N, C-alpha and C. Protein backbone atom coordinates (compact mmCIF):
# COMPACT_ATOMS: atom_id res chain seq x y z
N MET A 1 1.14 -1.22 0.30
CA MET A 1 0.48 0.39 0.03
C MET A 1 0.75 1.50 -0.24
N THR A 2 1.08 2.45 -0.74
CA THR A 2 1.15 3.12 -0.94
C THR A 2 0.92 3.92 0.23
N ARG A 3 1.96 5.25 0.41
CA ARG A 3 1.62 6.13 1.39
C ARG A 3 1.16 7.11 0.81
N PRO A 4 0.21 8.07 1.84
CA PRO A 4 -1.09 9.27 0.81
C PRO A 4 0.13 10.62 0.54
N THR A 5 -0.35 11.30 0.26
CA THR A 5 0.38 12.28 -0.75
C THR A 5 -0.39 13.44 0.49
N THR A 6 0.41 13.74 0.87
CA THR A 6 0.25 14.94 2.42
C THR A 6 0.05 16.24 1.74
N ILE A 7 -0.56 17.13 1.94
CA ILE A 7 -0.50 18.98 1.77
C ILE A 7 -0.79 19.64 3.05
N ALA A 8 0.12 20.03 3.51
CA ALA A 8 0.20 21.17 4.97
C ALA A 8 -1.03 22.03 4.53
N LEU A 9 -2.08 22.38 5.11
CA LEU A 9 -3.44 23.24 4.55
C LEU A 9 -2.81 24.47 5.35
N ILE A 10 -2.73 25.51 5.16
CA ILE A 10 -2.10 26.74 5.84
C ILE A 10 -3.60 28.11 5.31
N LYS A 11 -4.57 27.99 5.97
CA LYS A 11 -5.58 28.97 5.14
C LYS A 11 -5.19 30.18 5.25
N GLY A 12 -4.85 30.43 6.57
CA GLY A 12 -4.30 32.00 6.69
C GLY A 12 -5.08 32.99 7.21
N ASP A 13 -5.51 34.04 6.54
CA ASP A 13 -6.73 34.89 7.11
C ASP A 13 -7.52 35.57 5.99
N GLY A 14 -8.63 36.18 6.13
CA GLY A 14 -9.15 36.66 5.53
C GLY A 14 -9.56 35.87 4.46
N ILE A 15 -9.32 37.12 2.68
CA ILE A 15 -9.56 35.67 1.05
C ILE A 15 -8.84 34.98 1.27
N GLY A 16 -7.62 34.35 1.77
CA GLY A 16 -6.83 33.11 2.13
C GLY A 16 -7.32 31.75 2.25
N ILE A 17 -8.79 31.79 3.30
CA ILE A 17 -9.79 31.08 3.66
C ILE A 17 -10.34 30.51 2.35
N ASP A 18 -10.74 31.80 1.67
CA ASP A 18 -11.71 31.31 0.78
C ASP A 18 -11.27 31.10 -1.05
N VAL A 19 -9.64 31.55 -0.63
CA VAL A 19 -9.20 30.77 -1.97
C VAL A 19 -8.31 29.48 -1.48
N THR A 20 -8.28 28.74 -0.34
CA THR A 20 -7.61 27.48 -0.13
C THR A 20 -8.84 26.81 -0.52
N ASP A 21 -10.34 27.01 0.44
CA ASP A 21 -11.44 26.37 0.15
C ASP A 21 -11.32 25.74 -1.40
N ALA A 22 -11.25 27.02 -2.27
CA ALA A 22 -11.45 26.60 -3.66
C ALA A 22 -10.65 26.09 -4.70
N THR A 23 -9.10 25.96 -3.72
CA THR A 23 -8.08 25.40 -5.16
C THR A 23 -8.62 23.73 -4.11
N MET A 24 -8.84 23.65 -3.19
CA MET A 24 -8.87 22.54 -2.90
C MET A 24 -9.79 21.41 -3.91
N ALA A 25 -11.10 22.20 -3.23
CA ALA A 25 -11.83 21.93 -4.67
C ALA A 25 -11.85 21.41 -6.16
N VAL A 26 -10.63 22.58 -6.74
CA VAL A 26 -10.32 22.32 -8.09
C VAL A 26 -8.94 21.14 -7.31
N VAL A 27 -8.36 21.21 -7.15
CA VAL A 27 -7.16 19.82 -7.30
C VAL A 27 -8.11 18.74 -7.03
N ASP A 28 -8.48 18.52 -5.88
CA ASP A 28 -9.68 17.13 -5.75
C ASP A 28 -10.35 16.91 -7.01
N ALA A 29 -11.12 17.60 -7.33
CA ALA A 29 -11.90 17.03 -8.61
C ALA A 29 -10.40 17.04 -9.91
N ALA A 30 -9.70 17.58 -10.10
CA ALA A 30 -8.91 17.30 -11.12
C ALA A 30 -7.94 15.86 -10.75
N VAL A 31 -7.63 16.05 -9.59
CA VAL A 31 -6.71 14.31 -8.98
C VAL A 31 -7.74 13.67 -9.10
N ALA A 32 -9.25 13.57 -8.78
CA ALA A 32 -10.38 11.89 -9.12
C ALA A 32 -10.54 12.24 -10.98
N LYS A 33 -9.98 12.78 -11.74
CA LYS A 33 -10.64 12.86 -13.22
C LYS A 33 -9.21 12.23 -13.55
N ALA A 34 -8.17 12.77 -13.23
CA ALA A 34 -6.93 11.74 -13.84
C ALA A 34 -6.63 10.64 -12.76
N GLY A 35 -7.74 10.14 -11.67
CA GLY A 35 -7.68 8.49 -11.82
C GLY A 35 -6.56 8.62 -10.37
N GLY A 36 -5.92 9.68 -9.75
CA GLY A 36 -5.25 9.76 -8.96
C GLY A 36 -5.56 9.44 -7.75
N GLN A 37 -4.22 8.99 -6.54
CA GLN A 37 -4.73 9.00 -5.36
C GLN A 37 -5.72 9.92 -4.42
N VAL A 38 -5.94 9.90 -3.27
CA VAL A 38 -7.15 11.45 -2.94
C VAL A 38 -5.26 11.46 -1.92
N LEU A 39 -5.98 13.02 -1.69
CA LEU A 39 -4.73 13.67 -1.29
C LEU A 39 -5.18 13.99 0.11
N GLN A 40 -4.06 13.72 1.09
CA GLN A 40 -4.45 13.98 2.86
C GLN A 40 -3.76 15.49 3.05
N TYR A 41 -4.82 16.18 3.29
CA TYR A 41 -5.12 17.57 4.11
C TYR A 41 -4.46 17.66 5.36
N VAL A 42 -3.19 17.99 6.10
CA VAL A 42 -2.92 18.30 7.28
C VAL A 42 -3.43 19.89 7.56
N PRO A 43 -4.45 19.90 7.89
CA PRO A 43 -4.81 21.30 8.46
C PRO A 43 -3.60 22.31 9.51
N ILE A 44 -3.16 23.43 9.57
CA ILE A 44 -1.98 23.94 10.35
C ILE A 44 -2.65 25.23 10.06
N ILE A 45 -3.08 25.35 11.76
CA ILE A 45 -3.91 27.27 11.82
C ILE A 45 -2.37 28.16 12.16
N ALA A 46 -2.71 28.78 11.09
CA ALA A 46 -1.35 30.38 11.32
C ALA A 46 -2.15 31.69 10.73
N GLY A 47 -1.37 32.56 10.98
CA GLY A 47 -1.92 33.83 10.68
C GLY A 47 -2.34 35.39 11.58
N ALA A 48 -2.80 36.19 11.51
CA ALA A 48 -2.93 37.70 12.10
C ALA A 48 -4.08 36.97 12.95
N GLY A 49 -5.19 36.21 12.43
CA GLY A 49 -6.32 35.98 13.81
C GLY A 49 -5.83 34.91 14.61
N HIS A 50 -5.03 33.88 14.40
CA HIS A 50 -4.53 33.00 15.55
C HIS A 50 -3.72 34.01 16.20
N TYR A 51 -2.49 34.84 15.66
CA TYR A 51 -1.77 35.63 16.19
C TYR A 51 -2.31 36.60 17.78
N LEU A 52 -3.90 36.90 17.29
CA LEU A 52 -4.50 37.81 18.17
C LEU A 52 -4.91 36.72 19.59
N GLU A 53 -5.24 35.96 18.88
CA GLU A 53 -5.97 35.07 19.98
C GLU A 53 -4.52 34.16 20.82
N THR A 54 -3.77 33.72 20.52
CA THR A 54 -2.74 32.98 21.09
C THR A 54 -1.84 34.05 21.19
N GLY A 55 -0.74 34.91 20.23
CA GLY A 55 0.41 35.29 20.39
C GLY A 55 1.45 34.22 19.80
N LEU A 56 0.51 33.84 19.02
CA LEU A 56 1.43 33.20 17.96
C LEU A 56 1.14 33.24 16.66
N ASP A 57 1.71 33.45 15.84
CA ASP A 57 1.56 32.90 14.15
C ASP A 57 1.60 32.46 13.56
N ILE A 58 2.09 31.07 14.12
CA ILE A 58 1.27 29.19 13.70
C ILE A 58 1.15 28.67 14.93
N GLU A 59 0.31 27.90 14.90
CA GLU A 59 0.41 26.86 15.60
C GLU A 59 1.48 25.98 16.22
N ALA A 60 1.45 26.06 17.43
CA ALA A 60 2.70 25.21 18.15
C ALA A 60 2.71 23.73 17.28
N GLY A 61 3.92 23.53 16.70
CA GLY A 61 4.49 22.31 16.06
C GLY A 61 4.03 22.46 14.34
N GLY A 62 3.53 23.56 14.32
CA GLY A 62 3.15 23.54 12.52
C GLY A 62 4.02 24.20 11.29
N GLU A 63 5.33 24.67 12.15
CA GLU A 63 6.30 24.86 10.73
C GLU A 63 6.97 23.25 10.87
N GLU A 64 6.96 22.14 12.01
CA GLU A 64 7.37 21.21 11.61
C GLU A 64 6.51 19.92 11.02
N ARG A 65 5.31 20.03 10.91
CA ARG A 65 4.34 19.74 10.38
C ARG A 65 4.27 19.59 8.64
N ALA A 66 4.56 21.37 8.19
CA ALA A 66 4.86 21.60 7.35
C ALA A 66 5.64 20.89 6.48
N GLY A 67 6.60 20.97 7.46
CA GLY A 67 8.01 20.21 6.32
C GLY A 67 8.09 18.69 6.54
N ASP A 68 6.81 18.40 7.25
CA ASP A 68 6.72 16.95 6.96
C ASP A 68 5.84 16.31 5.71
N ALA A 69 4.57 17.36 5.46
CA ALA A 69 3.92 17.03 4.25
C ALA A 69 5.12 17.05 3.10
N ASP A 70 4.18 16.54 2.42
CA ASP A 70 4.85 16.09 0.90
C ASP A 70 4.88 17.70 0.07
N ALA A 71 3.78 18.74 0.22
CA ALA A 71 3.87 20.30 -0.55
C ALA A 71 2.96 20.77 0.60
N ILE A 72 2.84 22.29 0.56
CA ILE A 72 1.98 23.36 0.91
C ILE A 72 1.18 23.81 0.55
N LEU A 73 0.30 24.01 0.66
CA LEU A 73 -0.84 24.93 0.34
C LEU A 73 -1.04 26.49 1.23
N LEU A 74 -1.03 27.37 0.45
CA LEU A 74 -0.73 28.39 1.70
C LEU A 74 -1.51 29.41 1.03
N GLY A 75 -2.67 30.09 1.90
CA GLY A 75 -3.46 31.24 2.05
C GLY A 75 -2.73 32.17 1.86
N ALA A 76 -3.49 32.99 2.23
CA ALA A 76 -2.97 34.72 2.43
C ALA A 76 -2.71 34.64 3.71
N ILE A 77 -2.09 35.32 4.37
CA ILE A 77 -1.29 35.31 5.40
C ILE A 77 -1.49 37.22 5.93
N GLY A 78 -1.96 37.22 6.98
CA GLY A 78 -1.82 38.80 7.22
C GLY A 78 -3.07 39.28 7.48
N LEU A 79 -2.86 41.01 8.45
CA LEU A 79 -3.84 41.56 8.10
C LEU A 79 -3.44 43.16 8.37
N PRO A 80 -3.49 44.09 7.65
CA PRO A 80 -2.87 45.14 7.87
C PRO A 80 -2.97 45.95 9.18
N SER A 81 -3.89 45.67 9.98
CA SER A 81 -4.00 46.66 11.59
C SER A 81 -3.00 45.42 12.49
N VAL A 82 -2.61 44.18 12.16
CA VAL A 82 -1.99 43.58 13.11
C VAL A 82 -0.68 43.12 12.68
N ARG A 83 0.15 43.53 14.21
CA ARG A 83 1.47 44.11 14.00
C ARG A 83 2.46 43.08 15.12
N GLN A 84 3.66 42.85 14.83
CA GLN A 84 4.25 42.30 16.13
C GLN A 84 5.07 43.45 16.87
N PRO A 85 5.34 43.44 17.88
CA PRO A 85 5.64 44.82 18.69
C PRO A 85 6.59 45.24 18.59
N ASP A 86 7.09 45.27 17.37
CA ASP A 86 8.22 45.74 16.65
C ASP A 86 7.53 46.85 15.41
N GLY A 87 6.70 46.36 15.07
CA GLY A 87 5.88 47.09 14.33
C GLY A 87 6.06 46.53 13.04
N THR A 88 6.83 45.18 13.04
CA THR A 88 6.52 44.48 12.11
C THR A 88 5.55 42.79 11.64
N GLU A 89 4.91 43.22 10.25
CA GLU A 89 3.69 42.02 9.94
C GLU A 89 4.40 40.50 10.82
N ILE A 90 3.04 40.02 11.08
CA ILE A 90 3.64 38.74 10.96
C ILE A 90 4.04 37.96 9.90
N ALA A 91 4.92 36.79 9.77
CA ALA A 91 5.27 36.71 9.04
C ALA A 91 5.98 34.80 8.75
N PRO A 92 4.97 33.75 8.98
CA PRO A 92 5.15 32.51 9.21
C PRO A 92 5.53 32.38 7.86
N HIS A 93 4.78 32.83 6.64
CA HIS A 93 5.62 32.04 5.41
C HIS A 93 6.70 32.46 5.09
N LEU A 94 7.27 33.70 5.28
CA LEU A 94 8.84 33.48 4.83
C LEU A 94 9.82 32.49 6.62
N ARG A 95 9.08 32.50 7.25
CA ARG A 95 10.50 31.19 8.22
C ARG A 95 10.12 29.58 7.64
N LEU A 96 8.96 29.38 6.86
CA LEU A 96 8.78 28.03 6.41
C LEU A 96 9.76 28.61 5.30
N ARG A 97 10.07 29.30 4.71
CA ARG A 97 10.94 29.11 3.11
C ARG A 97 11.92 29.82 3.46
N ASP A 98 12.15 30.16 4.81
CA ASP A 98 13.96 29.98 4.81
C ASP A 98 14.39 28.88 5.53
N ARG A 99 13.24 28.08 6.38
CA ARG A 99 13.41 26.95 7.25
C ARG A 99 13.84 25.85 5.66
N TYR A 100 13.09 26.07 5.33
CA TYR A 100 12.81 24.13 3.69
C TYR A 100 13.42 24.89 2.73
N GLY A 101 13.97 26.17 2.32
CA GLY A 101 15.02 26.38 1.39
C GLY A 101 13.86 26.63 0.27
N LEU A 102 12.69 26.85 0.44
CA LEU A 102 11.23 27.18 -0.61
C LEU A 102 11.85 28.35 -1.46
N TYR A 103 12.05 28.07 -2.47
CA TYR A 103 12.21 29.27 -3.52
C TYR A 103 10.67 30.12 -4.56
N ALA A 104 9.74 29.45 -4.63
CA ALA A 104 8.78 29.90 -5.91
C ALA A 104 7.52 29.64 -4.37
N GLY A 105 6.82 31.01 -5.05
CA GLY A 105 5.58 31.34 -4.21
C GLY A 105 4.79 31.46 -5.30
N VAL A 106 3.69 29.81 -6.04
CA VAL A 106 3.24 29.40 -7.03
C VAL A 106 2.09 30.22 -6.88
N ARG A 107 1.57 30.93 -7.62
CA ARG A 107 0.17 31.68 -7.18
C ARG A 107 -1.50 31.68 -7.99
């Protein structure tokens, strides 16, 4: 039996949630039409909303789980009014890029 293909699903904030929901529907339909294996989505909570609730911009263990997945589906992250104490935007997506040597954000 083959291991399922895993997709770390980070919906993010605002329109990111709608975009990732629509993207999953399209990807799942394409995989089904091609006769491919069902994808296993691994939800990871991250974004400005999570930061406001918890003080963390990505849930504990989220970066590691994203790295364990075969791919990452990332929605828009951040809200203009939500900043770190030093005034910078929250940026878990940039840490993921640095940590795992990712070089392309395909839109």
